[in-house]
Amino acid sequence: MQKIIILIFLILTFICSCSEKNKTASDWLEKEKALWNGKQYTDPKKAIEYLNNAIKLQPNNAETYTKRGDAYYNLGQHQRAIEDYNKAIGLKQDYTNAYNDRGNAYVNLGQYHNAIEDYNQVIRLKPNYAEAYSNRGISYYKVGQDQQAIEDFNKAIQLKPDSADAYNNRSTAYLLRGNKELGCPDAKKACELKICKTLELAKSKGWCR
């Protein structure tokens, strides 16, 4: 009986192994896609496993490297993410998503000037990309260029009037400069759009009502 169980196990293992070997890059990317919730991976380690398999089968796909970079980013492994974004950009020079995502990784490493350069590239390639303006505004703010930051937040809001992030970021820039008249309305607008942390903090400090 025990020999039969072992034999069945070996057969099932062989069948599964063959099934995995027969998968195409598209198959692995479909499995990876199922782990993406619109903002991040629900299981980034598993996503990396699937993307590794896809890359082995299709090593010159820039989008796959960017996706793996995003998975590393979700794990907080920002340098490894940058390495994948570098690879993606090397394969596709005008890849705005890779530049934007690499900029975000640089921000998390405190490399704000590198981030600004990447966001500049995104905006050059895609002038109406609201998120890139908002992201660049954060980096400008981090290096003490407050006015440039506010101008970028203005542009992001102009391009995307329902951008909670842009309103939230601009309110922070105004409030930390002591400008409550402009900062509080932005904080309230951001909260209407479902980002309320800045407004709550401003209220706790007595800056906004």
C-alpha atoms as a PDB file:
ATOM      1  CA  MET A   1       0.000   0.000   0.000  1.00  0.00           C
ATOM      2  CA  GLN A   2       2.784   2.381   0.940  1.00  0.00           C
ATOM      3  CA  LYS A   3       4.551   1.676  -2.395  1.00  0.00           C
ATOM      4  CA  ILE A   4       1.346   2.512  -4.278  1.00  0.00           C
ATOM      5  CA  ILE A   5       0.998   5.852  -2.432  1.00  0.00           C
ATOM      6  CA  ILE A   6       4.624   6.734  -3.212  1.00  0.00           C
ATOM      7  CA  LEU A   7       4.107   5.790  -6.860  1.00  0.00           C
ATOM      8  CA  ILE A   8       0.982   7.976  -7.117  1.00  0.00           C
ATOM      9  CA  PHE A   9       2.875  10.875  -5.492  1.00  0.00           C
ATOM     10  CA  LEU A  10       5.747  10.525  -7.984  1.00  0.00           C
ATOM     11  CA  ILE A  11       3.331  10.425 -10.915  1.00  0.00           C
ATOM     12  CA  LEU A  12       1.510  13.541  -9.717  1.00  0.00           C
ATOM     13  CA  THR A  13       4.826  15.326  -9.172  1.00  0.00           C
ATOM     14  CA  PHE A  14       5.914  14.412 -12.695  1.00  0.00           C
ATOM     15  CA  ILE A  15       2.614  15.632 -14.163  1.00  0.00           C
ATOM     16  CA  CYS A  16       2.844  18.945 -12.281  1.00  0.00           C
ATOM     17  CA  SER A  17       6.471  19.364 -13.314  1.00  0.00           C
ATOM     18  CA  CYS A  18       5.607  18.845 -16.977  1.00  0.00           C
ATOM     19  CA  SER A  19       2.694  21.245 -16.691  1.00  0.00           C
ATOM     20  CA  GLU A  20       4.973  23.985 -15.288  1.00  0.00           C
ATOM     21  CA  LYS A  21       7.572  23.392 -17.990  1.00  0.00           C
ATOM     22  CA  ASN A  22       4.946  23.768 -20.701  1.00  0.00           C
ATOM     23  CA  LYS A  23       3.893  27.232 -19.527  1.00  0.00           C
ATOM     24  CA  THR A  24       4.674  30.192 -21.791  1.00  0.00           C
ATOM     25  CA  ALA A  25       5.794  33.666 -20.728  1.00  0.00           C
ATOM     26  CA  SER A  26       2.202  34.813 -21.237  1.00  0.00           C
ATOM     27  CA  ASP A  27       0.982  32.094 -18.880  1.00  0.00           C
ATOM     28  CA  TRP A  28       3.329  33.283 -16.133  1.00  0.00           C
ATOM     29  CA  LEU A  29       2.302  36.901 -16.706  1.00  0.00           C
ATOM     30  CA  GLU A  30      -1.359  35.935 -16.362  1.00  0.00           C
ATOM     31  CA  LYS A  31      -0.565  34.349 -13.004  1.00  0.00           C
ATOM     32  CA  GLU A  32       1.339  37.481 -11.976  1.00  0.00           C
ATOM     33  CA  LYS A  33      -1.543  39.697 -13.110  1.00  0.00           C
ATOM     34  CA  ALA A  34      -3.922  37.876 -10.775  1.00  0.00           C
ATOM     35  CA  LEU A  35      -1.812  39.086  -7.822  1.00  0.00           C
ATOM     36  CA  TRP A  36      -2.056  42.786  -8.795  1.00  0.00           C
ATOM     37  CA  ASN A  37      -4.832  44.683  -7.002  1.00  0.00           C
ATOM     38  CA  GLY A  38      -4.502  47.923  -8.963  1.00  0.00           C
ATOM     39  CA  LYS A  39      -1.958  49.531  -6.640  1.00  0.00           C
ATOM     40  CA  GLN A  40       0.367  46.774  -5.481  1.00  0.00           C
ATOM     41  CA  TYR A  41       0.875  43.023  -5.367  1.00  0.00           C
ATOM     42  CA  THR A  42      -1.075  41.000  -2.828  1.00  0.00           C
ATOM     43  CA  ASP A  43       1.854  38.547  -2.726  1.00  0.00           C
ATOM     44  CA  PRO A  44       4.966  40.262  -4.145  1.00  0.00           C
ATOM     45  CA  LYS A  45       7.245  37.276  -3.472  1.00  0.00           C
ATOM     46  CA  LYS A  46       5.010  34.997  -5.512  1.00  0.00           C
ATOM     47  CA  ALA A  47       4.782  37.679  -8.211  1.00  0.00           C
ATOM     48  CA  ILE A  48       8.589  37.774  -8.407  1.00  0.00           C
ATOM     49  CA  GLU A  49       8.652  33.991  -8.800  1.00  0.00           C
ATOM     50  CA  TYR A  50       6.210  34.166 -11.717  1.00  0.00           C
ATOM     51  CA  LEU A  51       8.032  37.114 -13.303  1.00  0.00           C
ATOM     52  CA  ASN A  52      11.385  35.324 -12.997  1.00  0.00           C
ATOM     53  CA  ASN A  53       9.906  32.460 -15.005  1.00  0.00           C
ATOM     54  CA  ALA A  54       8.500  34.850 -17.608  1.00  0.00           C
ATOM     55  CA  ILE A  55      11.874  36.603 -17.951  1.00  0.00           C
ATOM     56  CA  LYS A  56      13.655  33.277 -18.490  1.00  0.00           C
ATOM     57  CA  LEU A  57      11.347  32.598 -21.416  1.00  0.00           C
ATOM     58  CA  GLN A  58      11.211  36.167 -22.729  1.00  0.00           C
ATOM     59  CA  PRO A  59      14.316  38.073 -21.530  1.00  0.00           C
ATOM     60  CA  ASN A  60      13.822  41.233 -23.618  1.00  0.00           C
ATOM     61  CA  ASN A  61      10.400  42.329 -22.397  1.00  0.00           C
ATOM     62  CA  ALA A  62      10.797  45.736 -20.732  1.00  0.00           C
ATOM     63  CA  GLU A  63       7.360  45.620 -19.101  1.00  0.00           C
ATOM     64  CA  THR A  64       8.166  42.390 -17.280  1.00  0.00           C
ATOM     65  CA  TYR A  65      11.259  43.922 -15.674  1.00  0.00           C
ATOM     66  CA  THR A  66       9.197  46.944 -14.623  1.00  0.00           C
ATOM     67  CA  LYS A  67       6.610  44.670 -13.037  1.00  0.00           C
ATOM     68  CA  ARG A  68       9.295  42.766 -11.153  1.00  0.00           C
ATOM     69  CA  GLY A  69      10.731  46.110 -10.062  1.00  0.00           C
ATOM     70  CA  ASP A  70       7.292  47.006  -8.708  1.00  0.00           C
ATOM     71  CA  ALA A  71       7.186  43.739  -6.769  1.00  0.00           C
ATOM     72  CA  TYR A  72      10.595  44.454  -5.232  1.00  0.00           C
ATOM     73  CA  TYR A  73       9.358  47.990  -4.476  1.00  0.00           C
ATOM     74  CA  ASN A  74       6.361  46.501  -2.628  1.00  0.00           C
ATOM     75  CA  LEU A  75       8.813  44.486  -0.526  1.00  0.00           C
ATOM     76  CA  GLY A  76      10.799  47.632   0.310  1.00  0.00           C
ATOM     77  CA  GLN A  77      13.786  46.395  -1.713  1.00  0.00           C
ATOM     78  CA  HIS A  78      14.205  49.699  -3.532  1.00  0.00           C
ATOM     79  CA  GLN A  79      17.735  49.170  -4.847  1.00  0.00           C
ATOM     80  CA  ARG A  80      16.753  45.868  -6.443  1.00  0.00           C
ATOM     81  CA  ALA A  81      13.694  47.598  -7.885  1.00  0.00           C
ATOM     82  CA  ILE A  82      15.939  50.278  -9.424  1.00  0.00           C
ATOM     83  CA  GLU A  83      18.091  47.587 -11.036  1.00  0.00           C
ATOM     84  CA  ASP A  84      15.008  46.182 -12.764  1.00  0.00           C
ATOM     85  CA  TYR A  85      13.807  49.631 -13.829  1.00  0.00           C
ATOM     86  CA  ASN A  86      17.294  50.266 -15.257  1.00  0.00           C
ATOM     87  CA  LYS A  87      16.981  47.070 -17.271  1.00  0.00           C
ATOM     88  CA  ALA A  88      13.533  48.064 -18.525  1.00  0.00           C
ATOM     89  CA  ILE A  89      14.735  51.518 -19.583  1.00  0.00           C
ATOM     90  CA  GLY A  90      17.736  49.960 -21.302  1.00  0.00           C
ATOM     91  CA  LEU A  91      15.334  47.881 -23.382  1.00  0.00           C
ATOM     92  CA  LYS A  92      12.836  50.689 -23.983  1.00  0.00           C
ATOM     93  CA  GLN A  93      14.234  54.236 -23.796  1.00  0.00           C
ATOM     94  CA  ASP A  94      10.822  55.977 -23.823  1.00  0.00           C
ATOM     95  CA  TYR A  95       9.222  53.822 -21.122  1.00  0.00           C
ATOM     96  CA  THR A  96       7.492  56.421 -18.933  1.00  0.00           C
ATOM     97  CA  ASN A  97       6.219  53.936 -16.320  1.00  0.00           C
ATOM     98  CA  ALA A  98       9.746  52.691 -15.651  1.00  0.00           C
ATOM     99  CA  TYR A  99      11.091  56.236 -15.241  1.00  0.00           C
ATOM    100  CA  ASN A 100       8.233  57.182 -12.925  1.00  0.00           C
ATOM    101  CA  ASP A 101       8.565  54.038 -10.822  1.00  0.00           C
ATOM    102  CA  ARG A 102      12.344  54.410 -10.632  1.00  0.00           C
ATOM    103  CA  GLY A 103      11.815  57.982  -9.463  1.00  0.00           C
ATOM    104  CA  ASN A 104       9.568  56.688  -6.681  1.00  0.00           C
ATOM    105  CA  ALA A 105      12.238  54.193  -5.646  1.00  0.00           C
ATOM    106  CA  TYR A 106      14.849  56.950  -5.560  1.00  0.00           C
ATOM    107  CA  VAL A 107      12.544  58.993  -3.312  1.00  0.00           C
ATOM    108  CA  ASN A 108      12.356  56.096  -0.853  1.00  0.00           C
ATOM    109  CA  LEU A 109      16.164  55.991  -0.798  1.00  0.00           C
ATOM    110  CA  GLY A 110      16.346  59.757  -0.204  1.00  0.00           C
ATOM    111  CA  GLN A 111      17.950  60.331  -3.623  1.00  0.00           C
ATOM    112  CA  TYR A 112      15.691  63.246  -4.519  1.00  0.00           C
ATOM    113  CA  HIS A 113      17.807  64.796  -7.263  1.00  0.00           C
ATOM    114  CA  ASN A 114      17.891  61.459  -9.109  1.00  0.00           C
ATOM    115  CA  ALA A 115      14.128  61.239  -8.658  1.00  0.00           C
ATOM    116  CA  ILE A 116      13.637  64.729 -10.107  1.00  0.00           C
ATOM    117  CA  GLU A 117      15.671  63.760 -13.176  1.00  0.00           C
ATOM    118  CA  ASP A 118      13.453  60.729 -13.725  1.00  0.00           C
ATOM    119  CA  TYR A 119      10.246  62.727 -13.316  1.00  0.00           C
ATOM    120  CA  ASN A 120      11.647  65.314 -15.744  1.00  0.00           C
ATOM    121  CA  GLN A 121      12.072  62.524 -18.258  1.00  0.00           C
ATOM    122  CA  VAL A 122       8.514  61.305 -17.703  1.00  0.00           C
ATOM    123  CA  ILE A 123       7.129  64.807 -18.221  1.00  0.00           C
ATOM    124  CA  ARG A 124       9.229  65.288 -21.352  1.00  0.00           C
ATOM    125  CA  LEU A 125       7.821  62.051 -22.801  1.00  0.00           C
ATOM    126  CA  LYS A 126       4.287  62.508 -21.487  1.00  0.00           C
ATOM    127  CA  PRO A 127       3.564  66.191 -20.674  1.00  0.00           C
ATOM    128  CA  ASN A 128       0.039  65.513 -19.364  1.00  0.00           C
ATOM    129  CA  TYR A 129       1.032  62.860 -16.822  1.00  0.00           C
ATOM    130  CA  ALA A 130      -0.417  64.395 -13.640  1.00  0.00           C
ATOM    131  CA  GLU A 131       1.152  61.845 -11.284  1.00  0.00           C
ATOM    132  CA  ALA A 132       4.662  62.741 -12.469  1.00  0.00           C
ATOM    133  CA  TYR A 133       4.115  66.406 -11.580  1.00  0.00           C
ATOM    134  CA  SER A 134       2.811  65.486  -8.142  1.00  0.00           C
ATOM    135  CA  ASN A 135       5.740  63.128  -7.580  1.00  0.00           C
ATOM    136  CA  ARG A 136       8.278  65.688  -8.747  1.00  0.00           C
ATOM    137  CA  GLY A 137       6.657  68.246  -6.459  1.00  0.00           C
ATOM    138  CA  ILE A 138       7.345  66.007  -3.468  1.00  0.00           C
ATOM    139  CA  SER A 139      11.006  65.726  -4.446  1.00  0.00           C
ATOM    140  CA  TYR A 140      11.316  69.478  -4.969  1.00  0.00           C
ATOM    141  CA  TYR A 141       9.827  69.978  -1.525  1.00  0.00           C
ATOM    142  CA  LYS A 142      12.281  67.517   0.005  1.00  0.00           C
ATOM    143  CA  VAL A 143      15.254  69.478  -1.374  1.00  0.00           C
ATOM    144  CA  GLY A 144      13.868  72.793  -0.119  1.00  0.00           C
ATOM    145  CA  GLN A 145      12.494  74.111  -3.422  1.00  0.00           C
ATOM    146  CA  ASP A 146       9.052  74.919  -2.037  1.00  0.00           C
ATOM    147  CA  GLN A 147       7.842  77.183  -4.814  1.00  0.00           C
ATOM    148  CA  GLN A 148       8.736  74.695  -7.544  1.00  0.00           C
ATOM    149  CA  ALA A 149       6.932  72.039  -5.510  1.00  0.00           C
ATOM    150  CA  ILE A 150       3.743  74.094  -5.295  1.00  0.00           C
ATOM    151  CA  GLU A 151       3.895  74.862  -9.018  1.00  0.00           C
ATOM    152  CA  ASP A 152       4.080  71.133  -9.738  1.00  0.00           C
ATOM    153  CA  PHE A 153       1.149  70.396  -7.434  1.00  0.00           C
ATOM    154  CA  ASN A 154      -0.801  73.160  -9.210  1.00  0.00           C
ATOM    155  CA  LYS A 155      -0.063  71.535 -12.560  1.00  0.00           C
ATOM    156  CA  ALA A 156      -1.051  68.083 -11.283  1.00  0.00           C
ATOM    157  CA  ILE A 157      -4.393  69.462 -10.056  1.00  0.00           C
ATOM    158  CA  GLN A 158      -4.925  71.311 -13.335  1.00  0.00           C
ATOM    159  CA  LEU A 159      -4.419  68.049 -15.238  1.00  0.00           C
ATOM    160  CA  LYS A 160      -6.331  65.894 -12.769  1.00  0.00           C
ATOM    161  CA  PRO A 161      -8.778  67.915 -10.636  1.00  0.00           C
ATOM    162  CA  ASP A 162      -9.722  64.863  -8.563  1.00  0.00           C
ATOM    163  CA  SER A 163      -6.135  64.048  -7.529  1.00  0.00           C
ATOM    164  CA  ALA A 164      -6.315  63.586  -3.767  1.00  0.00           C
ATOM    165  CA  ASP A 165      -2.539  63.140  -3.593  1.00  0.00           C
ATOM    166  CA  ALA A 166      -1.867  66.478  -5.295  1.00  0.00           C
ATOM    167  CA  TYR A 167      -4.257  68.376  -3.005  1.00  0.00           C
ATOM    168  CA  ASN A 168      -2.817  66.609   0.031  1.00  0.00           C
ATOM    169  CA  ASN A 169       0.766  67.356  -1.001  1.00  0.00           C
ATOM    170  CA  ARG A 170       0.016  70.995  -1.789  1.00  0.00           C
ATOM    171  CA  SER A 171      -1.789  71.448   1.535  1.00  0.00           C
ATOM    172  CA  THR A 172       1.273  70.068   3.348  1.00  0.00           C
ATOM    173  CA  ALA A 173       3.568  72.464   1.493  1.00  0.00           C
ATOM    174  CA  TYR A 174       1.338  75.440   2.318  1.00  0.00           C
ATOM    175  CA  LEU A 175       0.752  74.500   5.954  1.00  0.00           C
ATOM    176  CA  LEU A 176       4.424  73.925   6.701  1.00  0.00           C
ATOM    177  CA  ARG A 177       5.101  77.394   5.282  1.00  0.00           C
ATOM    178  CA  GLY A 178       2.504  78.748   7.717  1.00  0.00           C
ATOM    179  CA  ASN A 179      -0.047  79.498   4.993  1.00  0.00           C
ATOM    180  CA  LYS A 180      -3.265  78.272   6.586  1.00  0.00           C
ATOM    181  CA  GLU A 181      -5.525  80.237   4.243  1.00  0.00           C
ATOM    182  CA  LEU A 182      -4.432  78.119   1.299  1.00  0.00           C
ATOM    183  CA  GLY A 183      -3.370  74.989   3.174  1.00  0.00           C
ATOM    184  CA  CYS A 184      -6.629  74.286   5.014  1.00  0.00           C
ATOM    185  CA  PRO A 185      -8.925  74.335   1.938  1.00  0.00           C
ATOM    186  CA  ASP A 186      -6.527  71.967   0.179  1.00  0.00           C
ATOM    187  CA  ALA A 187      -6.471  69.645   3.188  1.00  0.00           C
ATOM    188  CA  LYS A 188     -10.285  69.627   3.248  1.00  0.00           C
ATOM    189  CA  LYS A 189     -10.450  68.943  -0.475  1.00  0.00           C
ATOM    190  CA  ALA A 190      -7.989  66.068  -0.103  1.00  0.00           C
ATOM    191  CA  CYS A 191     -10.159  64.647   2.682  1.00  0.00           C
ATOM    192  CA  GLU A 192     -13.252  64.886   0.464  1.00  0.00           C
ATOM    193  CA  LEU A 193     -11.261  62.785  -2.002  1.00  0.00           C
ATOM    194  CA  LYS A 194     -10.515  60.202   0.752  1.00  0.00           C
ATOM    195  CA  ILE A 195      -7.086  61.322   2.043  1.00  0.00           C
ATOM    196  CA  CYS A 196      -7.691  62.861   5.481  1.00  0.00           C
ATOM    197  CA  LYS A 197      -4.399  62.458   7.375  1.00  0.00           C
ATOM    198  CA  THR A 198      -3.150  66.010   6.716  1.00  0.00           C
ATOM    199  CA  LEU A 199      -6.475  67.562   7.703  1.00  0.00           C
ATOM    200  CA  GLU A 200      -6.629  65.503  10.885  1.00  0.00           C
ATOM    201  CA  LEU A 201      -3.071  66.531  11.802  1.00  0.00           C
ATOM    202  CA  ALA A 202      -3.773  70.179  10.987  1.00  0.00           C
ATOM    203  CA  LYS A 203      -6.879  70.115  13.187  1.00  0.00           C
ATOM    204  CA  SER A 204      -4.973  68.502  16.048  1.00  0.00           C
ATOM    205  CA  LYS A 205      -2.438  71.339  15.884  1.00  0.00           C
ATOM    206  CA  GLY A 206      -5.136  73.989  15.674  1.00  0.00           C
ATOM    207  CA  TRP A 207      -4.154  75.063  12.151  1.00  0.00           C
ATOM    208  CA  CYS A 208      -7.493  74.183  10.546  1.00  0.00           C
ATOM    209  CA  ARG A 209     -11.045  73.922  11.820  1.00  0.00           C
END
